[in-house]
C-alpha atoms as a PDB file:
ATOM      1  CA  MET A   1      -5.661  22.348  -7.058  1.00  0.00           C
ATOM      2  CA  THR A   2      -5.748  21.722 -10.957  1.00  0.00           C
ATOM      3  CA  ALA A   3      -2.429  21.444 -10.986  1.00  0.00           C
ATOM      4  CA  PHE A   4      -1.884  18.664  -8.835  1.00  0.00           C
ATOM      5  CA  PHE A   5      -4.734  16.467 -10.817  1.00  0.00           C
ATOM      6  CA  ALA A   6      -3.105  17.326 -13.891  1.00  0.00           C
ATOM      7  CA  LEU A   7       0.333  15.553 -12.091  1.00  0.00           C
ATOM      8  CA  LEU A   8      -2.362  12.729 -10.712  1.00  0.00           C
ATOM      9  CA  ARG A   9      -3.626  12.608 -14.375  1.00  0.00           C
ATOM     10  CA  ARG A  10      -0.472  12.557 -16.535  1.00  0.00           C
ATOM     11  CA  ASP A  11       1.634   9.410 -14.054  1.00  0.00           C
ATOM     12  CA  LEU A  12      -1.954   7.394 -13.961  1.00  0.00           C
ATOM     13  CA  ARG A  13      -0.592   7.361 -17.863  1.00  0.00           C
ATOM     14  CA  LEU A  14       2.780   6.124 -17.748  1.00  0.00           C
ATOM     15  CA  GLY A  15       1.835   3.552 -15.480  1.00  0.00           C
ATOM     16  CA  PHE A  16      -1.021   2.774 -18.246  1.00  0.00           C
ATOM     17  CA  ARG A  17       1.702   2.712 -20.228  1.00  0.00           C
ATOM     18  CA  GLN A  18       3.972   0.097 -18.034  1.00  0.00           C
ATOM     19  CA  GLY A  19       0.324  -1.687 -16.958  1.00  0.00           C
ATOM     20  CA  ILE A  20       3.118  -4.990 -16.827  1.00  0.00           C
ATOM     21  CA  ASP A  21       3.727  -3.492 -13.413  1.00  0.00           C
ATOM     22  CA  ALA A  22       0.524  -3.735 -11.614  1.00  0.00           C
ATOM     23  CA  LEU A  23       0.065  -7.601 -13.275  1.00  0.00           C
ATOM     24  CA  VAL A  24       2.830  -8.315 -11.561  1.00  0.00           C
ATOM     25  CA  VAL A  25       1.991  -6.999  -7.635  1.00  0.00           C
ATOM     26  CA  VAL A  26      -1.183  -8.873  -8.647  1.00  0.00           C
ATOM     27  CA  LEU A  27       0.605 -11.963  -9.862  1.00  0.00           C
ATOM     28  CA  PHE A  28       3.055 -11.962  -6.980  1.00  0.00           C
ATOM     29  CA  PHE A  29      -0.205 -11.277  -4.250  1.00  0.00           C
ATOM     30  CA  LEU A  30      -1.978 -14.430  -5.908  1.00  0.00           C
ATOM     31  CA  ALA A  31       0.957 -16.478  -5.958  1.00  0.00           C
ATOM     32  CA  ALA A  32       3.336 -16.076  -2.236  1.00  0.00           C
ATOM     33  CA  GLY A  33      -0.377 -16.077  -0.643  1.00  0.00           C
ATOM     34  CA  ALA A  34      -1.338 -19.412  -2.144  1.00  0.00           C
ATOM     35  CA  LEU A  35       2.057 -20.619  -1.742  1.00  0.00           C
ATOM     36  CA  PHE A  36       0.588 -21.336   2.305  1.00  0.00           C
ATOM     37  CA  PRO A  37      -1.891 -24.285   1.276  1.00  0.00           C
ATOM     38  CA  PHE A  38       1.034 -26.145   0.496  1.00  0.00           C
ATOM     39  CA  ALA A  39       2.595 -25.313   3.309  1.00  0.00           C
ATOM     40  CA  LEU A  40       0.019 -25.673   6.350  1.00  0.00           C
ATOM     41  CA  GLY A  41      -1.244 -28.110   4.996  1.00  0.00           C
ATOM     42  CA  PRO A  42      -5.052 -28.766   3.160  1.00  0.00           C
ATOM     43  CA  GLU A  43      -6.646 -28.779   6.916  1.00  0.00           C
ATOM     44  CA  PRO A  44      -9.615 -26.066   6.200  1.00  0.00           C
ATOM     45  CA  ALA A  45      -9.835 -24.980   9.739  1.00  0.00           C
ATOM     46  CA  LEU A  46      -6.913 -23.817   9.733  1.00  0.00           C
ATOM     47  CA  LEU A  47      -6.604 -21.740   6.877  1.00  0.00           C
ATOM     48  CA  ALA A  48     -10.102 -20.284   7.632  1.00  0.00           C
ATOM     49  CA  ARG A  49      -9.040 -18.987  10.777  1.00  0.00           C
ATOM     50  CA  ILE A  50      -5.804 -17.126   9.188  1.00  0.00           C
ATOM     51  CA  ALA A  51      -6.743 -16.164   6.025  1.00  0.00           C
ATOM     52  CA  ALA A  52      -7.396 -12.937   6.992  1.00  0.00           C
ATOM     53  CA  GLY A  53      -4.479 -12.166   8.338  1.00  0.00           C
ATOM     54  CA  ILE A  54      -2.671 -14.136   5.050  1.00  0.00           C
ATOM     55  CA  VAL A  55      -4.418 -11.611   3.256  1.00  0.00           C
ATOM     56  CA  MET A  56      -3.430  -8.531   5.014  1.00  0.00           C
ATOM     57  CA  THR A  57       0.584  -9.193   4.635  1.00  0.00           C
ATOM     58  CA  MET A  58       0.648  -9.841   1.209  1.00  0.00           C
ATOM     59  CA  ALA A  59      -1.303  -6.787   0.245  1.00  0.00           C
ATOM     60  CA  ALA A  60       1.731  -5.311   2.831  1.00  0.00           C
ATOM     61  CA  LEU A  61       4.319  -7.051   1.104  1.00  0.00           C
ATOM     62  CA  ALA A  62       3.064  -6.329  -2.566  1.00  0.00           C
ATOM     63  CA  SER A  63       2.728  -2.797  -2.327  1.00  0.00           C
ATOM     64  CA  LEU A  64       6.096  -2.897  -1.720  1.00  0.00           C
ATOM     65  CA  LEU A  65       6.931  -3.846  -5.137  1.00  0.00           C
ATOM     66  CA  SER A  66       6.727  -0.719  -6.907  1.00  0.00           C
ATOM     67  CA  LEU A  67       7.524   1.788  -4.072  1.00  0.00           C
ATOM     68  CA  ASP A  68      10.740   2.145  -4.909  1.00  0.00           C
ATOM     69  CA  ARG A  69      10.296   3.562  -8.203  1.00  0.00           C
ATOM     70  CA  LEU A  70       7.598   6.056  -7.057  1.00  0.00           C
ATOM     71  CA  PHE A  71       9.873   8.738  -7.464  1.00  0.00           C
ATOM     72  CA  SER A  72      12.777   7.807  -9.338  1.00  0.00           C
ATOM     73  CA  ALA A  73      12.112   7.597 -12.310  1.00  0.00           C
ATOM     74  CA  ASP A  74      10.896  11.702 -12.113  1.00  0.00           C
ATOM     75  CA  TYR A  75      15.041  12.011 -10.118  1.00  0.00           C
ATOM     76  CA  GLU A  76      16.936  10.221 -12.662  1.00  0.00           C
ATOM     77  CA  ASP A  77      15.912  12.654 -15.482  1.00  0.00           C
ATOM     78  CA  GLY A  78      15.472  15.830 -13.822  1.00  0.00           C
ATOM     79  CA  SER A  79      11.572  15.926 -14.010  1.00  0.00           C
ATOM     80  CA  LEU A  80      11.445  15.884  -9.985  1.00  0.00           C
ATOM     81  CA  ASP A  81      13.856  19.550 -10.371  1.00  0.00           C
ATOM     82  CA  GLY A  82      11.138  20.588 -12.533  1.00  0.00           C
ATOM     83  CA  LEU A  83       8.498  20.026 -10.736  1.00  0.00           C
ATOM     84  CA  ALA A  84      10.022  21.356  -7.222  1.00  0.00           C
ATOM     85  CA  LEU A  85      10.019  25.091  -9.237  1.00  0.00           C
ATOM     86  CA  SER A  86       6.424  24.144  -9.926  1.00  0.00           C
ATOM     87  CA  PRO A  87       3.644  26.139  -8.712  1.00  0.00           C
ATOM     88  CA  LEU A  88       2.597  23.066  -6.998  1.00  0.00           C
ATOM     89  CA  SER A  89       4.207  22.282  -3.787  1.00  0.00           C
ATOM     90  CA  LEU A  90       6.528  19.543  -2.801  1.00  0.00           C
ATOM     91  CA  GLU A  91       4.224  17.756  -0.489  1.00  0.00           C
ATOM     92  CA  LEU A  92       1.344  18.051  -3.310  1.00  0.00           C
ATOM     93  CA  VAL A  93       3.556  15.973  -5.487  1.00  0.00           C
ATOM     94  CA  ALA A  94       4.793  13.751  -3.074  1.00  0.00           C
ATOM     95  CA  LEU A  95       0.421  13.239  -2.367  1.00  0.00           C
ATOM     96  CA  ALA A  96      -0.392  12.951  -5.833  1.00  0.00           C
ATOM     97  CA  LYS A  97       2.554  10.792  -6.175  1.00  0.00           C
ATOM     98  CA  VAL A  98       0.981   8.474  -2.969  1.00  0.00           C
ATOM     99  CA  ALA A  99      -2.437   8.559  -4.366  1.00  0.00           C
ATOM    100  CA  THR A 100      -1.315   7.020  -7.978  1.00  0.00           C
ATOM    101  CA  HIS A 101       0.439   4.006  -6.375  1.00  0.00           C
ATOM    102  CA  TRP A 102      -2.984   3.111  -4.443  1.00  0.00           C
ATOM    103  CA  LEU A 103      -5.162   3.565  -8.197  1.00  0.00           C
ATOM    104  CA  MET A 104      -2.319   1.547  -9.637  1.00  0.00           C
ATOM    105  CA  THR A 105      -1.396  -1.214  -7.145  1.00  0.00           C
ATOM    106  CA  GLY A 106      -4.038  -1.488  -4.289  1.00  0.00           C
ATOM    107  CA  LEU A 107      -6.960  -0.639  -6.074  1.00  0.00           C
ATOM    108  CA  PRO A 108      -6.133  -3.865  -8.016  1.00  0.00           C
ATOM    109  CA  LEU A 109      -4.879  -5.403  -4.934  1.00  0.00           C
ATOM    110  CA  LEU A 110      -8.203  -4.979  -3.621  1.00  0.00           C
ATOM    111  CA  ALA A 111      -9.780  -6.544  -6.800  1.00  0.00           C
ATOM    112  CA  ALA A 112      -7.832  -9.774  -6.405  1.00  0.00           C
ATOM    113  CA  ALA A 113      -8.381 -10.082  -2.736  1.00  0.00           C
ATOM    114  CA  PRO A 114     -11.009 -12.664  -3.061  1.00  0.00           C
ATOM    115  CA  LEU A 115      -9.995 -14.710  -5.633  1.00  0.00           C
ATOM    116  CA  LEU A 116      -7.177 -15.305  -2.672  1.00  0.00           C
ATOM    117  CA  GLY A 117      -9.878 -15.637   0.301  1.00  0.00           C
ATOM    118  CA  LEU A 118     -11.332 -18.228  -2.190  1.00  0.00           C
ATOM    119  CA  LEU A 119      -7.975 -20.237  -2.040  1.00  0.00           C
ATOM    120  CA  LEU A 120      -7.238 -19.324   1.509  1.00  0.00           C
ATOM    121  CA  ASN A 121     -11.223 -21.047   2.614  1.00  0.00           C
ATOM    122  CA  LEU A 122     -12.026 -17.422   3.956  1.00  0.00           C
ATOM    123  CA  PRO A 123     -15.548 -18.359   5.643  1.00  0.00           C
ATOM    124  CA  ASP A 124     -18.223 -16.749   2.839  1.00  0.00           C
ATOM    125  CA  GLY A 125     -19.158 -14.282   6.529  1.00  0.00           C
ATOM    126  CA  LEU A 126     -15.467 -12.334   6.488  1.00  0.00           C
ATOM    127  CA  TYR A 127     -16.018 -11.487   2.961  1.00  0.00           C
ATOM    128  CA  PRO A 128     -17.046  -7.528   3.288  1.00  0.00           C
ATOM    129  CA  MET A 129     -15.225  -6.623   6.708  1.00  0.00           C
ATOM    130  CA  LEU A 130     -12.254  -8.143   5.085  1.00  0.00           C
ATOM    131  CA  MET A 131     -12.852  -5.323   2.164  1.00  0.00           C
ATOM    132  CA  LEU A 132     -13.920  -2.807   4.247  1.00  0.00           C
ATOM    133  CA  ALA A 133     -10.760  -3.448   6.415  1.00  0.00           C
ATOM    134  CA  LEU A 134      -8.420  -3.577   3.455  1.00  0.00           C
ATOM    135  CA  VAL A 135     -10.317   0.068   1.683  1.00  0.00           C
ATOM    136  CA  ALA A 136      -8.897   1.157   5.380  1.00  0.00           C
ATOM    137  CA  VAL A 137      -5.225  -0.557   5.190  1.00  0.00           C
ATOM    138  CA  THR A 138      -3.996   0.358   1.344  1.00  0.00           C
ATOM    139  CA  PRO A 139      -4.157   4.146   1.850  1.00  0.00           C
ATOM    140  CA  ALA A 140      -2.038   3.378   4.927  1.00  0.00           C
ATOM    141  CA  LEU A 141       0.037   1.331   3.482  1.00  0.00           C
ATOM    142  CA  SER A 142       1.103   3.297   0.494  1.00  0.00           C
ATOM    143  CA  LEU A 143       1.536   6.743   2.703  1.00  0.00           C
ATOM    144  CA  LEU A 144       4.499   5.221   4.813  1.00  0.00           C
ATOM    145  CA  GLY A 145       5.602   3.519   1.340  1.00  0.00           C
ATOM    146  CA  GLY A 146       5.808   6.626   0.071  1.00  0.00           C
ATOM    147  CA  LEU A 147       8.078   8.587   2.647  1.00  0.00           C
ATOM    148  CA  GLY A 148       9.697   5.376   2.722  1.00  0.00           C
ATOM    149  CA  ALA A 149      10.567   6.088  -0.929  1.00  0.00           C
ATOM    150  CA  ALA A 150      11.105   9.958  -0.207  1.00  0.00           C
ATOM    151  CA  LEU A 151      13.198   9.113   2.487  1.00  0.00           C
ATOM    152  CA  THR A 152      15.902   6.608   0.081  1.00  0.00           C
ATOM    153  CA  LEU A 153      15.221   7.988  -2.472  1.00  0.00           C
ATOM    154  CA  GLY A 154      18.749   8.083  -4.314  1.00  0.00           C
ATOM    155  CA  ALA A 155      20.293   5.965  -1.649  1.00  0.00           C
ATOM    156  CA  ARG A 156      22.490   2.577  -2.925  1.00  0.00           C
ATOM    157  CA  ARG A 157      19.809  -0.380  -2.784  1.00  0.00           C
ATOM    158  CA  GLY A 158      17.588   1.832  -2.206  1.00  0.00           C
ATOM    159  CA  GLY A 159      14.913  -1.130  -2.053  1.00  0.00           C
ATOM    160  CA  LEU A 160      16.248  -2.582   0.017  1.00  0.00           C
ATOM    161  CA  LEU A 161      16.344   0.012   2.592  1.00  0.00           C
ATOM    162  CA  LEU A 162      13.150   0.461   1.856  1.00  0.00           C
ATOM    163  CA  ALA A 163      11.661  -2.359   3.490  1.00  0.00           C
ATOM    164  CA  PHE A 164      13.511  -2.553   5.858  1.00  0.00           C
ATOM    165  CA  LEU A 165      12.574   0.729   7.123  1.00  0.00           C
ATOM    166  CA  ILE A 166       8.817   0.786   6.624  1.00  0.00           C
ATOM    167  CA  LEU A 167       8.220  -3.080   7.201  1.00  0.00           C
ATOM    168  CA  PRO A 168       7.935  -2.140  10.914  1.00  0.00           C
ATOM    169  CA  LEU A 169       5.988   1.102  10.444  1.00  0.00           C
ATOM    170  CA  PHE A 170       3.087  -1.436   8.444  1.00  0.00           C
ATOM    171  CA  ILE A 171       2.734  -3.880  11.415  1.00  0.00           C
ATOM    172  CA  PRO A 172       0.779  -1.456  13.997  1.00  0.00           C
ATOM    173  CA  ILE A 173      -1.512  -1.017  10.296  1.00  0.00           C
ATOM    174  CA  LEU A 174      -1.844  -4.760   9.712  1.00  0.00           C
ATOM    175  CA  ILE A 175      -2.919  -5.755  13.562  1.00  0.00           C
ATOM    176  CA  LEU A 176      -5.607  -3.379  13.294  1.00  0.00           C
ATOM    177  CA  GLY A 177      -6.881  -4.269  10.060  1.00  0.00           C
ATOM    178  CA  MET A 178      -6.441  -8.378  11.147  1.00  0.00           C
ATOM    179  CA  GLY A 179      -8.019  -6.809  14.400  1.00  0.00           C
ATOM    180  CA  SER A 180     -11.363  -5.993  12.440  1.00  0.00           C
ATOM    181  CA  VAL A 181     -11.977  -8.964  10.666  1.00  0.00           C
ATOM    182  CA  GLY A 182     -10.511 -11.289  13.827  1.00  0.00           C
ATOM    183  CA  ALA A 183     -13.825  -8.912  15.940  1.00  0.00           C
ATOM    184  CA  VAL A 184     -16.024 -10.159  13.301  1.00  0.00           C
ATOM    185  CA  ALA A 185     -15.109 -14.236  13.305  1.00  0.00           C
ATOM    186  CA  ALA A 186     -15.623 -13.889  16.951  1.00  0.00           C
ATOM    187  CA  GLY A 187     -18.988 -12.356  17.558  1.00  0.00           C
ATOM    188  CA  ARG A 188     -17.744  -8.918  18.440  1.00  0.00           C
ATOM    189  CA  SER A 189     -18.108  -5.916  16.956  1.00  0.00           C
ATOM    190  CA  PRO A 190     -15.549  -4.417  14.604  1.00  0.00           C
ATOM    191  CA  ARG A 191     -15.833  -0.733  15.759  1.00  0.00           C
ATOM    192  CA  GLY A 192     -12.523   0.113  17.743  1.00  0.00           C
ATOM    193  CA  ALA A 193     -10.176  -1.670  15.409  1.00  0.00           C
ATOM    194  CA  MET A 194     -11.692   0.120  12.309  1.00  0.00           C
ATOM    195  CA  GLU A 195     -12.342   3.306  14.458  1.00  0.00           C
ATOM    196  CA  LEU A 196      -8.307   3.245  15.387  1.00  0.00           C
ATOM    197  CA  LEU A 197      -7.524   2.548  12.139  1.00  0.00           C
ATOM    198  CA  LEU A 198      -9.253   5.153  10.289  1.00  0.00           C
ATOM    199  CA  ALA A 199      -7.915   8.000  12.881  1.00  0.00           C
ATOM    200  CA  LEU A 200      -4.214   6.202  11.795  1.00  0.00           C
ATOM    201  CA  ASP A 201      -5.125   6.719   7.904  1.00  0.00           C
ATOM    202  CA  LEU A 202      -5.687  10.430   8.751  1.00  0.00           C
ATOM    203  CA  GLY A 203      -3.166  10.689  10.636  1.00  0.00           C
ATOM    204  CA  LEU A 204      -1.044  10.054   8.167  1.00  0.00           C
ATOM    205  CA  LEU A 205      -2.967  11.783   5.660  1.00  0.00           C
ATOM    206  CA  ALA A 206      -2.438  15.274   7.414  1.00  0.00           C
ATOM    207  CA  LEU A 207       1.511  15.016   8.136  1.00  0.00           C
ATOM    208  CA  VAL A 208       2.867  12.222   5.556  1.00  0.00           C
ATOM    209  CA  PRO A 209       2.730  14.095   2.867  1.00  0.00           C
ATOM    210  CA  TRP A 210       5.155  17.092   5.428  1.00  0.00           C
ATOM    211  CA  ALA A 211       7.962  14.648   5.699  1.00  0.00           C
ATOM    212  CA  MET A 212       7.489  13.356   2.035  1.00  0.00           C
ATOM    213  CA  GLY A 213       8.246  17.347   0.959  1.00  0.00           C
ATOM    214  CA  MET A 214      10.949  17.776   3.263  1.00  0.00           C
ATOM    215  CA  ALA A 215      12.906  14.331   2.658  1.00  0.00           C
ATOM    216  CA  LEU A 216      12.603  15.573  -1.303  1.00  0.00           C
ATOM    217  CA  ARG A 217      13.919  18.499  -0.170  1.00  0.00           C
ATOM    218  CA  GLN A 218      16.956  17.057   0.855  1.00  0.00           C
ATOM    219  CA  VAL A 219      17.308  15.054  -1.812  1.00  0.00           C
ATOM    220  CA  LEU A 220      17.102  17.665  -4.323  1.00  0.00           C
ATOM    221  CA  LYS A 221      19.402  20.495  -2.148  1.00  0.00           C
END
């Protein structure tokens, strides 16, 4: 696992050197979400009902912004070929890339989510559940996004293809995340939705790295 953490540290260093990418993701998340009150009108009750769904949806869209570069830089400069020849398996290489994406994108979105919730008049009692749901939702978004990035690596207009491929897969995750917050808003227990969401996270963690590894091997042939 030493090689895994070494790759993770290397990718994080590169990510911090290009810190503007994380800033762009957060700014898009806040700016796009803040447009909804202008489109729907300043009705506080309406905004309060849909605020959690807007936050979840904006998090999914914002996570797409940097996915097309997840493997492309290493692929273009030949580093990915070197990583394929290293003792570290391509499955773990892909998992390190996904972990970097979550740390550079998912964590900033978690930090910005309360601010967007405030702009959308999210009820105070829903903030803890919203944050808990985002903690479970964002890793799944990064895993599925990593799979899409591996499958579209080297394709022309890969970013557009990636969006069409991955957005439908985001829908069940968003439904479960919004369902957990909606259950709390309705006075019900969110346990069922959260258990399904966590089970989905574990299933993706077990299966997606293998699928990414297979996709990367096809590209490097």
